[in-house]
């Protein structure tokens, strides 16, 4: 499983999100490659499906199922409800889906 944390330089939420991702992977006893990917060029935004900083993708899929069909890509801050990081439950669900996709 590959988990990408897409962010732009100066984003205050990418470090807490990285810690969350690492903690979720560890607490679930999973093996994953976690990559922090800086998005800096406007032309990369659509190609990377960057919905704002931070965007977390598990095997190329956004962690938020409701956001997977969105196309409002931008170099902006991303909010998950009232937080700048995805909720833990959303992260856990996304990595479990990624694991079941591999085994099922």
PDB file of N, CA and C in Angstrom:
ATOM      1  N   UNK A   1       0.850  -1.171   0.000  1.00  0.00           N
ATOM      2  CA  UNK A   1       0.000   0.000   0.000  1.00  0.00           C
ATOM      3  C   UNK A   1       0.898   1.237   0.000  1.00  0.00           C
ATOM      4  N   UNK A   2       0.500   2.199  -0.823  1.00  0.00           N
ATOM      5  CA  UNK A   2       1.228   3.468  -0.874  1.00  0.00           C
ATOM      6  C   UNK A   2       0.279   4.574  -0.429  1.00  0.00           C
ATOM      7  N   UNK A   3       0.750   5.373   0.500  1.00  0.00           N
ATOM      8  CA  UNK A   3      -0.033   6.510   0.975  1.00  0.00           C
ATOM      9  C   UNK A   3       0.758   7.769   0.664  1.00  0.00           C
ATOM     10  N   UNK A   4       0.160   8.640  -0.132  1.00  0.00           N
ATOM     11  CA  UNK A   4       0.785   9.907  -0.494  1.00  0.00           C
ATOM     12  C   UNK A   4       0.112  11.038   0.272  1.00  0.00           C
ATOM     13  N   UNK A   5       0.937  11.871   0.868  1.00  0.00           N
ATOM     14  CA  UNK A   5       0.453  13.081   1.536  1.00  0.00           C
ATOM     15  C   UNK A   5       0.912  14.247   0.686  1.00  0.00           C
ATOM     16  N   UNK A   6      -0.016  14.802  -0.084  1.00  0.00           N
ATOM     17  CA  UNK A   6       0.286  15.907  -0.994  1.00  0.00           C
ATOM     18  C   UNK A   6       0.077  17.212  -0.232  1.00  0.00           C
ATOM     19  N   UNK A   7       1.026  18.125  -0.380  1.00  0.00           N
ATOM     20  CA  UNK A   7       0.961  19.383   0.360  1.00  0.00           C
ATOM     21  C   UNK A   7       1.739  20.446  -0.389  1.00  0.00           C
ATOM     22  N   UNK A   8       1.550  21.699   0.022  1.00  0.00           N
ATOM     23  CA  UNK A   8       2.402  22.758  -0.504  1.00  0.00           C
ATOM     24  C   UNK A   8       3.254  23.303   0.624  1.00  0.00           C
ATOM     25  N   UNK A   9       4.383  23.876   0.263  1.00  0.00           N
ATOM     26  CA  UNK A   9       5.324  24.409   1.255  1.00  0.00           C
ATOM     27  C   UNK A   9       4.624  25.422   2.143  1.00  0.00           C
ATOM     28  N   UNK A  10       4.858  25.318   3.422  1.00  0.00           N
ATOM     29  CA  UNK A  10       4.271  26.246   4.380  1.00  0.00           C
ATOM     30  C   UNK A  10       2.931  25.810   4.930  1.00  0.00           C
ATOM     31  N   UNK A  11       2.401  24.704   4.460  1.00  0.00           N
ATOM     32  CA  UNK A  11       1.110  24.225   4.959  1.00  0.00           C
ATOM     33  C   UNK A  11       1.256  23.817   6.421  1.00  0.00           C
ATOM     34  N   UNK A  12       0.473  24.414   7.318  1.00  0.00           N
ATOM     35  CA  UNK A  12       0.599  24.071   8.734  1.00  0.00           C
ATOM     36  C   UNK A  12      -0.006  22.718   9.089  1.00  0.00           C
ATOM     37  N   UNK A  13      -0.757  22.126   8.170  1.00  0.00           N
ATOM     38  CA  UNK A  13      -1.465  20.880   8.482  1.00  0.00           C
ATOM     39  C   UNK A  13      -0.801  19.618   7.944  1.00  0.00           C
ATOM     40  N   UNK A  14       0.244  19.760   7.129  1.00  0.00           N
ATOM     41  CA  UNK A  14       0.804  18.533   6.555  1.00  0.00           C
ATOM     42  C   UNK A  14       1.587  17.720   7.577  1.00  0.00           C
ATOM     43  N   UNK A  15       2.239  18.353   8.541  1.00  0.00           N
ATOM     44  CA  UNK A  15       2.963  17.581   9.561  1.00  0.00           C
ATOM     45  C   UNK A  15       2.012  16.838  10.501  1.00  0.00           C
ATOM     46  N   UNK A  16       0.958  17.480  11.029  1.00  0.00           N
ATOM     47  CA  UNK A  16       0.008  16.715  11.844  1.00  0.00           C
ATOM     48  C   UNK A  16      -0.670  15.592  11.053  1.00  0.00           C
ATOM     49  N   UNK A  17      -0.920  15.837   9.778  1.00  0.00           N
ATOM     50  CA  UNK A  17      -1.530  14.808   8.941  1.00  0.00           C
ATOM     51  C   UNK A  17      -0.570  13.647   8.740  1.00  0.00           C
ATOM     52  N   UNK A  18       0.705  13.941   8.536  1.00  0.00           N
ATOM     53  CA  UNK A  18       1.710  12.894   8.394  1.00  0.00           C
ATOM     54  C   UNK A  18       1.777  12.048   9.661  1.00  0.00           C
ATOM     55  N   UNK A  19       1.764  12.702  10.814  1.00  0.00           N
ATOM     56  CA  UNK A  19       1.778  11.970  12.083  1.00  0.00           C
ATOM     57  C   UNK A  19       0.538  11.089  12.220  1.00  0.00           C
ATOM     58  N   UNK A  20      -0.618  11.613  11.822  1.00  0.00           N
ATOM     59  CA  UNK A  20      -1.860  10.849  11.871  1.00  0.00           C
ATOM     60  C   UNK A  20      -1.764   9.611  10.987  1.00  0.00           C
ATOM     61  N   UNK A  21      -1.300   9.802   9.765  1.00  0.00           N
ATOM     62  CA  UNK A  21      -1.174   8.677   8.832  1.00  0.00           C
ATOM     63  C   UNK A  21      -0.253   7.606   9.417  1.00  0.00           C
ATOM     64  N   UNK A  22       0.895   8.003   9.900  1.00  0.00           N
ATOM     65  CA  UNK A  22       1.845   7.042  10.489  1.00  0.00           C
ATOM     66  C   UNK A  22       1.223   6.306  11.673  1.00  0.00           C
ATOM     67  N   UNK A  23       0.511   7.038  12.516  1.00  0.00           N
ATOM     68  CA  UNK A  23      -0.106   6.425  13.685  1.00  0.00           C
ATOM     69  C   UNK A  23      -1.191   5.426  13.287  1.00  0.00           C
ATOM     70  N   UNK A  24      -2.012   5.776  12.307  1.00  0.00           N
ATOM     71  CA  UNK A  24      -3.076   4.875  11.847  1.00  0.00           C
ATOM     72  C   UNK A  24      -2.466   3.600  11.271  1.00  0.00           C
ATOM     73  N   UNK A  25      -1.466   3.746  10.420  1.00  0.00           N
ATOM     74  CA  UNK A  25      -0.816   2.577   9.819  1.00  0.00           C
ATOM     75  C   UNK A  25      -0.227   1.682  10.913  1.00  0.00           C
ATOM     76  N   UNK A  26       0.469   2.286  11.859  1.00  0.00           N
ATOM     77  CA  UNK A  26       1.086   1.514  12.934  1.00  0.00           C
ATOM     78  C   UNK A  26       0.036   0.844  13.829  1.00  0.00           C
ATOM     79  N   UNK A  27      -0.993   1.585  14.204  1.00  0.00           N
ATOM     80  CA  UNK A  27      -2.001   1.037  15.123  1.00  0.00           C
ATOM     81  C   UNK A  27      -2.799  -0.096  14.491  1.00  0.00           C
ATOM     82  N   UNK A  28      -2.932  -0.084  13.164  1.00  0.00           N
ATOM     83  CA  UNK A  28      -3.643  -1.160  12.472  1.00  0.00           C
ATOM     84  C   UNK A  28      -2.705  -2.295  12.070  1.00  0.00           C
ATOM     85  N   UNK A  29      -1.408  -2.127  12.353  1.00  0.00           N
ATOM     86  CA  UNK A  29      -0.438  -3.172  12.048  1.00  0.00           C
ATOM     87  C   UNK A  29      -0.243  -3.411  10.558  1.00  0.00           C
ATOM     88  N   UNK A  30      -0.311  -2.355   9.782  1.00  0.00           N
ATOM     89  CA  UNK A  30      -0.193  -2.470   8.327  1.00  0.00           C
ATOM     90  C   UNK A  30       1.208  -2.129   7.863  1.00  0.00           C
ATOM     91  N   UNK A  31       1.513  -2.559   6.663  1.00  0.00           N
ATOM     92  CA  UNK A  31       2.759  -2.189   6.008  1.00  0.00           C
ATOM     93  C   UNK A  31       2.385  -1.241   4.876  1.00  0.00           C
ATOM     94  N   UNK A  32       2.987  -0.070   4.885  1.00  0.00           N
ATOM     95  CA  UNK A  32       2.676   0.930   3.860  1.00  0.00           C
ATOM     96  C   UNK A  32       3.898   1.786   3.589  1.00  0.00           C
ATOM     97  N   UNK A  33       4.004   2.230   2.362  1.00  0.00           N
ATOM     98  CA  UNK A  33       4.992   3.236   2.001  1.00  0.00           C
ATOM     99  C   UNK A  33       4.293   4.579   2.115  1.00  0.00           C
ATOM    100  N   UNK A  34       4.807   5.433   2.971  1.00  0.00           N
ATOM    101  CA  UNK A  34       4.220   6.759   3.181  1.00  0.00           C
ATOM    102  C   UNK A  34       5.147   7.783   2.544  1.00  0.00           C
ATOM    103  N   UNK A  35       4.602   8.527   1.587  1.00  0.00           N
ATOM    104  CA  UNK A  35       5.410   9.530   0.889  1.00  0.00           C
ATOM    105  C   UNK A  35       4.809  10.910   1.107  1.00  0.00           C
ATOM    106  N   UNK A  36       5.678  11.860   1.425  1.00  0.00           N
ATOM    107  CA  UNK A  36       5.260  13.268   1.461  1.00  0.00           C
ATOM    108  C   UNK A  36       5.649  13.852   0.109  1.00  0.00           C
ATOM    109  N   UNK A  37       4.669  14.423  -0.593  1.00  0.00           N
ATOM    110  CA  UNK A  37       4.878  14.927  -1.946  1.00  0.00           C
ATOM    111  C   UNK A  37       4.526  16.407  -1.982  1.00  0.00           C
ATOM    112  N   UNK A  38       5.542  17.232  -2.193  1.00  0.00           N
ATOM    113  CA  UNK A  38       5.297  18.671  -2.270  1.00  0.00           C
ATOM    114  C   UNK A  38       4.780  19.028  -3.658  1.00  0.00           C
ATOM    115  N   UNK A  39       3.668  19.744  -3.690  1.00  0.00           N
ATOM    116  CA  UNK A  39       3.072  20.226  -4.932  1.00  0.00           C
ATOM    117  C   UNK A  39       3.384  21.710  -5.002  1.00  0.00           C
ATOM    118  N   UNK A  40       4.127  22.100  -6.024  1.00  0.00           N
ATOM    119  CA  UNK A  40       4.543  23.484  -6.082  1.00  0.00           C
ATOM    120  C   UNK A  40       4.172  24.208  -7.348  1.00  0.00           C
ATOM    121  N   UNK A  41       3.823  23.462  -8.366  1.00  0.00           N
ATOM    122  CA  UNK A  41       3.540  24.089  -9.658  1.00  0.00           C
ATOM    123  C   UNK A  41       2.066  23.946 -10.006  1.00  0.00           C
ATOM    124  N   UNK A  42       1.488  25.006 -10.496  1.00  0.00           N
ATOM    125  CA  UNK A  42       0.072  25.003 -10.868  1.00  0.00           C
ATOM    126  C   UNK A  42      -0.239  23.900 -11.868  1.00  0.00           C
ATOM    127  N   UNK A  43       0.682  23.631 -12.783  1.00  0.00           N
ATOM    128  CA  UNK A  43       0.426  22.591 -13.792  1.00  0.00           C
ATOM    129  C   UNK A  43       0.381  21.183 -13.197  1.00  0.00           C
ATOM    130  N   UNK A  44       0.881  20.991 -11.985  1.00  0.00           N
ATOM    131  CA  UNK A  44       0.851  19.680 -11.335  1.00  0.00           C
ATOM    132  C   UNK A  44      -0.457  19.419 -10.594  1.00  0.00           C
ATOM    133  N   UNK A  45      -1.209  20.451 -10.318  1.00  0.00           N
ATOM    134  CA  UNK A  45      -2.389  20.353  -9.470  1.00  0.00           C
ATOM    135  C   UNK A  45      -3.410  19.361 -10.024  1.00  0.00           C
ATOM    136  N   UNK A  46      -3.805  19.490 -11.268  1.00  0.00           N
ATOM    137  CA  UNK A  46      -4.807  18.591 -11.849  1.00  0.00           C
ATOM    138  C   UNK A  46      -4.229  17.192 -12.053  1.00  0.00           C
ATOM    139  N   UNK A  47      -3.003  17.115 -12.530  1.00  0.00           N
ATOM    140  CA  UNK A  47      -2.377  15.808 -12.786  1.00  0.00           C
ATOM    141  C   UNK A  47      -2.317  14.974 -11.509  1.00  0.00           C
ATOM    142  N   UNK A  48      -2.068  15.635 -10.393  1.00  0.00           N
ATOM    143  CA  UNK A  48      -1.928  14.935  -9.114  1.00  0.00           C
ATOM    144  C   UNK A  48      -3.254  14.835  -8.356  1.00  0.00           C
ATOM    145  N   UNK A  49      -4.319  15.408  -8.930  1.00  0.00           N
ATOM    146  CA  UNK A  49      -5.642  15.435  -8.291  1.00  0.00           C
ATOM    147  C   UNK A  49      -5.558  16.041  -6.891  1.00  0.00           C
ATOM    148  N   UNK A  50      -4.920  17.202  -6.856  1.00  0.00           N
ATOM    149  CA  UNK A  50      -4.639  17.920  -5.610  1.00  0.00           C
ATOM    150  C   UNK A  50      -5.814  18.810  -5.251  1.00  0.00           C
ATOM    151  N   UNK A  51      -6.564  18.404  -4.232  1.00  0.00           N
ATOM    152  CA  UNK A  51      -7.749  19.148  -3.808  1.00  0.00           C
ATOM    153  C   UNK A  51      -7.443  20.152  -2.705  1.00  0.00           C
ATOM    154  N   UNK A  52      -6.178  20.423  -2.501  1.00  0.00           N
ATOM    155  CA  UNK A  52      -5.753  21.355  -1.474  1.00  0.00           C
ATOM    156  C   UNK A  52      -4.832  20.661  -0.494  1.00  0.00           C
ATOM    157  N   UNK A  53      -4.176  21.469   0.304  1.00  0.00           N
ATOM    158  CA  UNK A  53      -3.152  20.954   1.203  1.00  0.00           C
ATOM    159  C   UNK A  53      -3.688  20.800   2.621  1.00  0.00           C
ATOM    160  N   UNK A  54      -3.556  19.600   3.179  1.00  0.00           N
ATOM    161  CA  UNK A  54      -3.003  18.378   2.614  1.00  0.00           C
ATOM    162  C   UNK A  54      -4.086  17.514   1.975  1.00  0.00           C
ATOM    163  N   UNK A  55      -3.713  16.825   0.914  1.00  0.00           N
ATOM    164  CA  UNK A  55      -4.550  15.810   0.287  1.00  0.00           C
ATOM    165  C   UNK A  55      -3.872  14.473   0.547  1.00  0.00           C
ATOM    166  N   UNK A  56      -4.623  13.510   1.049  1.00  0.00           N
ATOM    167  CA  UNK A  56      -4.074  12.191   1.332  1.00  0.00           C
ATOM    168  C   UNK A  56      -4.715  11.192   0.370  1.00  0.00           C
ATOM    169  N   UNK A  57      -3.861  10.415  -0.283  1.00  0.00           N
ATOM    170  CA  UNK A  57      -4.323   9.405  -1.234  1.00  0.00           C
ATOM    171  C   UNK A  57      -3.754   8.046  -0.841  1.00  0.00           C
ATOM    172  N   UNK A  58      -4.611   7.043  -0.836  1.00  0.00           N
ATOM    173  CA  UNK A  58      -4.200   5.663  -0.592  1.00  0.00           C
ATOM    174  C   UNK A  58      -4.264   4.945  -1.932  1.00  0.00           C
ATOM    175  N   UNK A  59      -3.105   4.507  -2.391  1.00  0.00           N
ATOM    176  CA  UNK A  59      -3.000   3.859  -3.705  1.00  0.00           C
ATOM    177  C   UNK A  59      -3.686   4.684  -4.792  1.00  0.00           C
ATOM    178  N   UNK A  60      -3.485   5.998  -4.727  1.00  0.00           N
ATOM    179  CA  UNK A  60      -3.995   6.901  -5.752  1.00  0.00           C
ATOM    180  C   UNK A  60      -5.420   7.382  -5.550  1.00  0.00           C
ATOM    181  N   UNK A  61      -6.109   6.882  -4.526  1.00  0.00           N
ATOM    182  CA  UNK A  61      -7.494   7.280  -4.256  1.00  0.00           C
ATOM    183  C   UNK A  61      -7.533   8.230  -3.066  1.00  0.00           C
ATOM    184  N   UNK A  62      -8.301   9.302  -3.204  1.00  0.00           N
ATOM    185  CA  UNK A  62      -8.472  10.233  -2.087  1.00  0.00           C
ATOM    186  C   UNK A  62      -9.066   9.491  -0.894  1.00  0.00           C
ATOM    187  N   UNK A  63      -8.628   9.849   0.309  1.00  0.00           N
ATOM    188  CA  UNK A  63      -9.145   9.181   1.507  1.00  0.00           C
ATOM    189  C   UNK A  63     -10.623   9.466   1.741  1.00  0.00           C
ATOM    190  N   UNK A  64     -11.118  10.546   1.183  1.00  0.00           N
ATOM    191  CA  UNK A  64     -12.525  10.916   1.355  1.00  0.00           C
ATOM    192  C   UNK A  64     -13.317  10.440   0.145  1.00  0.00           C
ATOM    193  N   UNK A  65     -14.133   9.390   0.309  1.00  0.00           N
ATOM    194  CA  UNK A  65     -14.899   8.889  -0.840  1.00  0.00           C
ATOM    195  C   UNK A  65     -15.765   9.966  -1.493  1.00  0.00           C
ATOM    196  N   UNK A  66     -16.245  10.922  -0.710  1.00  0.00           N
ATOM    197  CA  UNK A  66     -17.085  11.995  -1.253  1.00  0.00           C
ATOM    198  C   UNK A  66     -16.299  12.943  -2.148  1.00  0.00           C
ATOM    199  N   UNK A  67     -14.974  12.928  -2.044  1.00  0.00           N
ATOM    200  CA  UNK A  67     -14.139  13.846  -2.825  1.00  0.00           C
ATOM    201  C   UNK A  67     -13.546  13.195  -4.072  1.00  0.00           C
ATOM    202  N   UNK A  68     -13.747  11.917  -4.253  1.00  0.00           N
ATOM    203  CA  UNK A  68     -13.067  11.199  -5.340  1.00  0.00           C
ATOM    204  C   UNK A  68     -13.495  11.625  -6.731  1.00  0.00           C
ATOM    205  N   UNK A  69     -14.682  12.185  -6.868  1.00  0.00           N
ATOM    206  CA  UNK A  69     -15.138  12.645  -8.180  1.00  0.00           C
ATOM    207  C   UNK A  69     -15.018  14.146  -8.358  1.00  0.00           C
ATOM    208  N   UNK A  70     -14.455  14.818  -7.368  1.00  0.00           N
ATOM    209  CA  UNK A  70     -14.290  16.268  -7.475  1.00  0.00           C
ATOM    210  C   UNK A  70     -13.190  16.601  -8.478  1.00  0.00           C
ATOM    211  N   UNK A  71     -13.281  17.791  -9.033  1.00  0.00           N
ATOM    212  CA  UNK A  71     -12.263  18.257  -9.976  1.00  0.00           C
ATOM    213  C   UNK A  71     -11.889  19.710  -9.714  1.00  0.00           C
ATOM    214  N   UNK A  72     -12.161  20.194  -8.509  1.00  0.00           N
ATOM    215  CA  UNK A  72     -11.834  21.579  -8.168  1.00  0.00           C
ATOM    216  C   UNK A  72     -10.426  21.642  -7.570  1.00  0.00           C
ATOM    217  N   UNK A  73      -9.467  21.259  -8.376  1.00  0.00           N
ATOM    218  CA  UNK A  73      -8.073  21.201  -7.955  1.00  0.00           C
ATOM    219  C   UNK A  73      -7.508  22.613  -7.810  1.00  0.00           C
ATOM    220  N   UNK A  74      -6.685  22.805  -6.755  1.00  0.00           N
ATOM    221  CA  UNK A  74      -6.100  24.128  -6.566  1.00  0.00           C
ATOM    222  C   UNK A  74      -4.974  24.089  -5.543  1.00  0.00           C
ATOM    223  N   UNK A  75      -4.116  25.102  -5.637  1.00  0.00           N
ATOM    224  CA  UNK A  75      -3.073  25.315  -4.632  1.00  0.00           C
ATOM    225  C   UNK A  75      -3.679  26.139  -3.506  1.00  0.00           C
ATOM    226  N   UNK A  76      -4.445  25.476  -2.663  1.00  0.00           N
ATOM    227  CA  UNK A  76      -5.145  26.136  -1.567  1.00  0.00           C
ATOM    228  C   UNK A  76      -5.105  25.222  -0.353  1.00  0.00           C
ATOM    229  N   UNK A  77      -5.563  25.726   0.762  1.00  0.00           N
ATOM    230  CA  UNK A  77      -5.688  24.894   1.954  1.00  0.00           C
ATOM    231  C   UNK A  77      -6.919  24.008   1.797  1.00  0.00           C
ATOM    232  N   UNK A  78      -6.823  22.819   2.327  1.00  0.00           N
ATOM    233  CA  UNK A  78      -7.960  21.899   2.290  1.00  0.00           C
ATOM    234  C   UNK A  78      -8.499  21.724   3.691  1.00  0.00           C
ATOM    235  N   UNK A  79      -9.815  21.736   3.779  1.00  0.00           N
ATOM    236  CA  UNK A  79     -10.465  21.525   5.060  1.00  0.00           C
ATOM    237  C   UNK A  79     -11.237  20.213   5.019  1.00  0.00           C
ATOM    238  N   UNK A  80     -11.209  19.527   6.135  1.00  0.00           N
ATOM    239  CA  UNK A  80     -11.972  18.302   6.343  1.00  0.00           C
ATOM    240  C   UNK A  80     -12.963  18.629   7.453  1.00  0.00           C
ATOM    241  N   UNK A  81     -14.128  19.111   7.060  1.00  0.00           N
ATOM    242  CA  UNK A  81     -15.061  19.623   8.056  1.00  0.00           C
ATOM    243  C   UNK A  81     -14.489  20.903   8.638  1.00  0.00           C
ATOM    244  N   UNK A  82     -14.214  20.908   9.928  1.00  0.00           N
ATOM    245  CA  UNK A  82     -13.655  22.085  10.592  1.00  0.00           C
ATOM    246  C   UNK A  82     -12.156  21.959  10.847  1.00  0.00           C
ATOM    247  N   UNK A  83     -11.571  20.882  10.338  1.00  0.00           N
ATOM    248  CA  UNK A  83     -10.156  20.613  10.598  1.00  0.00           C
ATOM    249  C   UNK A  83      -9.340  20.669   9.312  1.00  0.00           C
ATOM    250  N   UNK A  84      -8.071  20.963   9.463  1.00  0.00           N
ATOM    251  CA  UNK A  84      -7.162  20.959   8.326  1.00  0.00           C
ATOM    252  C   UNK A  84      -6.531  19.600   8.075  1.00  0.00           C
ATOM    253  N   UNK A  85      -6.878  18.615   8.888  1.00  0.00           N
ATOM    254  CA  UNK A  85      -6.411  17.245   8.708  1.00  0.00           C
ATOM    255  C   UNK A  85      -7.619  16.326   8.618  1.00  0.00           C
ATOM    256  N   UNK A  86      -7.488  15.221   7.874  1.00  0.00           N
ATOM    257  CA  UNK A  86      -8.627  14.301   7.788  1.00  0.00           C
ATOM    258  C   UNK A  86      -8.915  13.672   9.147  1.00  0.00           C
ATOM    259  N   UNK A  87     -10.175  13.393   9.433  1.00  0.00           N
ATOM    260  CA  UNK A  87     -10.511  12.727  10.683  1.00  0.00           C
ATOM    261  C   UNK A  87      -9.880  11.329  10.732  1.00  0.00           C
ATOM    262  N   UNK A  88      -9.514  10.907  11.919  1.00  0.00           N
ATOM    263  CA  UNK A  88      -8.891   9.590  12.090  1.00  0.00           C
ATOM    264  C   UNK A  88      -9.767   8.471  11.505  1.00  0.00           C
ATOM    265  N   UNK A  89     -11.065   8.528  11.750  1.00  0.00           N
ATOM    266  CA  UNK A  89     -11.969   7.481  11.250  1.00  0.00           C
ATOM    267  C   UNK A  89     -11.927   7.399   9.729  1.00  0.00           C
ATOM    268  N   UNK A  90     -11.826   8.528   9.059  1.00  0.00           N
ATOM    269  CA  UNK A  90     -11.738   8.554   7.597  1.00  0.00           C
ATOM    270  C   UNK A  90     -10.438   7.902   7.125  1.00  0.00           C
ATOM    271  N   UNK A  91      -9.337   8.206   7.819  1.00  0.00           N
ATOM    272  CA  UNK A  91      -8.041   7.602   7.488  1.00  0.00           C
ATOM    273  C   UNK A  91      -8.088   6.088   7.690  1.00  0.00           C
ATOM    274  N   UNK A  92      -8.638   5.659   8.815  1.00  0.00           N
ATOM    275  CA  UNK A  92      -8.707   4.230   9.097  1.00  0.00           C
ATOM    276  C   UNK A  92      -9.538   3.507   8.046  1.00  0.00           C
ATOM    277  N   UNK A  93     -10.665   4.092   7.670  1.00  0.00           N
ATOM    278  CA  UNK A  93     -11.514   3.488   6.653  1.00  0.00           C
ATOM    279  C   UNK A  93     -10.772   3.394   5.320  1.00  0.00           C
ATOM    280  N   UNK A  94     -10.062   4.437   4.945  1.00  0.00           N
ATOM    281  CA  UNK A  94      -9.347   4.454   3.663  1.00  0.00           C
ATOM    282  C   UNK A  94      -8.251   3.389   3.614  1.00  0.00           C
ATOM    283  N   UNK A  95      -7.489   3.237   4.694  1.00  0.00           N
ATOM    284  CA  UNK A  95      -6.422   2.232   4.659  1.00  0.00           C
ATOM    285  C   UNK A  95      -6.997   0.825   4.743  1.00  0.00           C
ATOM    286  N   UNK A  96      -8.107   0.659   5.431  1.00  0.00           N
ATOM    287  CA  UNK A  96      -8.757  -0.663   5.440  1.00  0.00           C
ATOM    288  C   UNK A  96      -9.273  -1.011   4.046  1.00  0.00           C
ATOM    289  N   UNK A  97      -9.855  -0.027   3.346  1.00  0.00           N
ATOM    290  CA  UNK A  97     -10.311  -0.249   1.970  1.00  0.00           C
ATOM    291  C   UNK A  97      -9.133  -0.636   1.090  1.00  0.00           C
ATOM    292  N   UNK A  98      -8.009   0.060   1.279  1.00  0.00           N
ATOM    293  CA  UNK A  98      -6.807  -0.249   0.504  1.00  0.00           C
ATOM    294  C   UNK A  98      -6.318  -1.658   0.766  1.00  0.00           C
ATOM    295  N   UNK A  99      -6.408  -2.102   2.011  1.00  0.00           N
ATOM    296  CA  UNK A  99      -5.994  -3.451   2.367  1.00  0.00           C
ATOM    297  C   UNK A  99      -6.954  -4.466   1.775  1.00  0.00           C
ATOM    298  N   UNK A 100      -8.258  -4.224   1.840  1.00  0.00           N
ATOM    299  CA  UNK A 100      -9.227  -5.180   1.298  1.00  0.00           C
ATOM    300  C   UNK A 100      -9.150  -5.257  -0.215  1.00  0.00           C
ATOM    301  N   UNK A 101      -8.797  -4.142  -0.874  1.00  0.00           N
ATOM    302  CA  UNK A 101      -8.623  -4.160  -2.327  1.00  0.00           C
ATOM    303  C   UNK A 101      -7.481  -5.089  -2.715  1.00  0.00           C
ATOM    304  N   UNK A 102      -6.469  -5.185  -1.881  1.00  0.00           N
ATOM    305  CA  UNK A 102      -5.315  -6.034  -2.163  1.00  0.00           C
ATOM    306  C   UNK A 102      -5.610  -7.501  -1.906  1.00  0.00           C
ATOM    307  N   UNK A 103      -6.460  -7.783  -0.917  1.00  0.00           N
ATOM    308  CA  UNK A 103      -6.711  -9.165  -0.542  1.00  0.00           C
ATOM    309  C   UNK A 103      -7.977  -9.727  -1.152  1.00  0.00           C
ATOM    310  N   UNK A 104      -8.873  -8.856  -1.578  1.00  0.00           N
ATOM    311  CA  UNK A 104     -10.170  -9.352  -2.021  1.00  0.00           C
ATOM    312  C   UNK A 104     -10.288  -9.349  -3.462  1.00  0.00           C
TER     313      UNK A 104
END
